[in-house]
Amino acid sequence: MVHLRALVATLNNLGRLHDKENRLPAALAAYEEALKINRDLTLLNRAEYLPDGAAMLNNIGLLHDKENRLSDA
C-alpha cells in the first residue's frame, strides 16, 4: 500500500508540473489517475487517505477554473 501512496503523490506532482507548463489535458489526466487510486485507498483507510483526495479534487477544480470551465469546477 505504501507504494500506491507514493504513486498517487507522484501522479499528483506530475499533474502540477503539467499544469505549470500549461499542458492542461495532461495535467487533468494525471490528477484523475491519482484520484482514482486514492479513492481505492480511501476505501481501506478513510481517515488516512480522504484528505489527499480532497486536495486532488481542489487541484482539478483549479484546473477547470484556469480553463474557464466553471460549471465543471
Protein backbone atom coordinates (compact mmCIF):
# COMPACT_ATOMS: atom_id res chain seq x y z
CA MET A 1 0.00 0.00 0.00
CA VAL A 2 2.92 2.34 0.65
CA HIS A 3 3.95 2.15 -2.98
CA LEU A 4 0.42 3.13 -4.06
CA ARG A 5 0.52 6.21 -1.86
CA ALA A 6 3.85 7.14 -3.44
CA LEU A 7 2.34 6.59 -6.89
CA VAL A 8 -0.58 8.87 -6.02
CA ALA A 9 1.81 11.58 -4.84
CA THR A 10 3.92 11.21 -7.98
CA LEU A 11 0.89 11.46 -10.28
CA ASN A 12 -0.38 14.50 -8.38
CA ASN A 13 3.04 16.17 -8.68
CA LEU A 14 3.13 15.30 -12.37
CA GLY A 15 -0.26 16.95 -12.74
CA ARG A 16 1.05 20.08 -11.06
CA LEU A 17 4.06 20.13 -13.38
CA HIS A 18 1.86 19.75 -16.47
CA ASP A 19 -0.40 22.50 -15.13
CA LYS A 20 2.53 24.90 -14.66
CA GLU A 21 3.71 24.13 -18.19
CA ASN A 22 0.18 24.80 -19.48
CA ARG A 23 -0.33 21.21 -20.65
CA LEU A 24 -3.79 21.16 -19.19
CA PRO A 25 -5.18 17.92 -20.71
CA ALA A 26 -2.11 16.02 -19.45
CA ALA A 27 -2.49 17.66 -16.04
CA LEU A 28 -6.12 16.61 -15.81
CA ALA A 29 -5.27 13.03 -16.81
CA ALA A 30 -2.59 12.79 -14.11
CA TYR A 31 -4.88 14.29 -11.45
CA GLU A 32 -7.73 11.95 -12.37
CA GLU A 33 -5.50 8.85 -12.28
CA ALA A 34 -4.16 9.91 -8.87
CA LEU A 35 -7.70 10.48 -7.62
CA LYS A 36 -8.86 7.07 -8.87
CA ILE A 37 -6.10 5.25 -6.99
CA ASN A 38 -6.63 7.41 -3.92
CA ARG A 39 -10.35 6.60 -3.87
CA ASP A 40 -9.48 2.89 -3.76
CA LEU A 41 -7.09 3.55 -0.88
CA THR A 42 -9.74 5.59 0.91
CA LEU A 43 -11.97 2.51 1.00
CA LEU A 44 -9.25 0.78 3.04
CA ASN A 45 -8.48 3.66 5.41
CA ARG A 46 -10.80 6.64 5.14
CA ALA A 47 -9.15 8.82 7.79
CA GLU A 48 -5.70 8.49 6.28
CA TYR A 49 -6.46 8.97 2.57
CA LEU A 50 -9.56 11.17 2.43
CA PRO A 51 -7.66 14.47 2.93
CA ASP A 52 -5.38 13.62 -0.02
CA GLY A 53 -8.44 13.08 -2.20
CA ALA A 54 -9.83 16.45 -1.17
CA ALA A 55 -6.59 18.13 -2.21
CA MET A 56 -6.70 16.38 -5.60
CA LEU A 57 -10.29 17.47 -6.16
CA ASN A 58 -9.19 21.00 -5.35
CA ASN A 59 -6.40 20.76 -7.95
CA ILE A 60 -8.92 19.55 -10.55
CA GLY A 61 -11.26 22.41 -9.66
CA LEU A 62 -8.45 24.95 -10.03
CA LEU A 63 -7.55 23.45 -13.38
CA HIS A 64 -11.14 23.74 -14.59
CA ASP A 65 -11.16 27.35 -13.39
CA LYS A 66 -7.96 28.01 -15.34
CA GLU A 67 -9.65 26.54 -18.44
CA ASN A 68 -12.69 28.75 -17.76
CA ARG A 69 -14.83 25.62 -17.31
CA LEU A 70 -16.57 26.96 -14.24
CA SER A 71 -19.51 24.57 -14.44
CA ASP A 72 -17.03 21.68 -14.07
CA ALA A 73 -15.04 23.36 -11.32
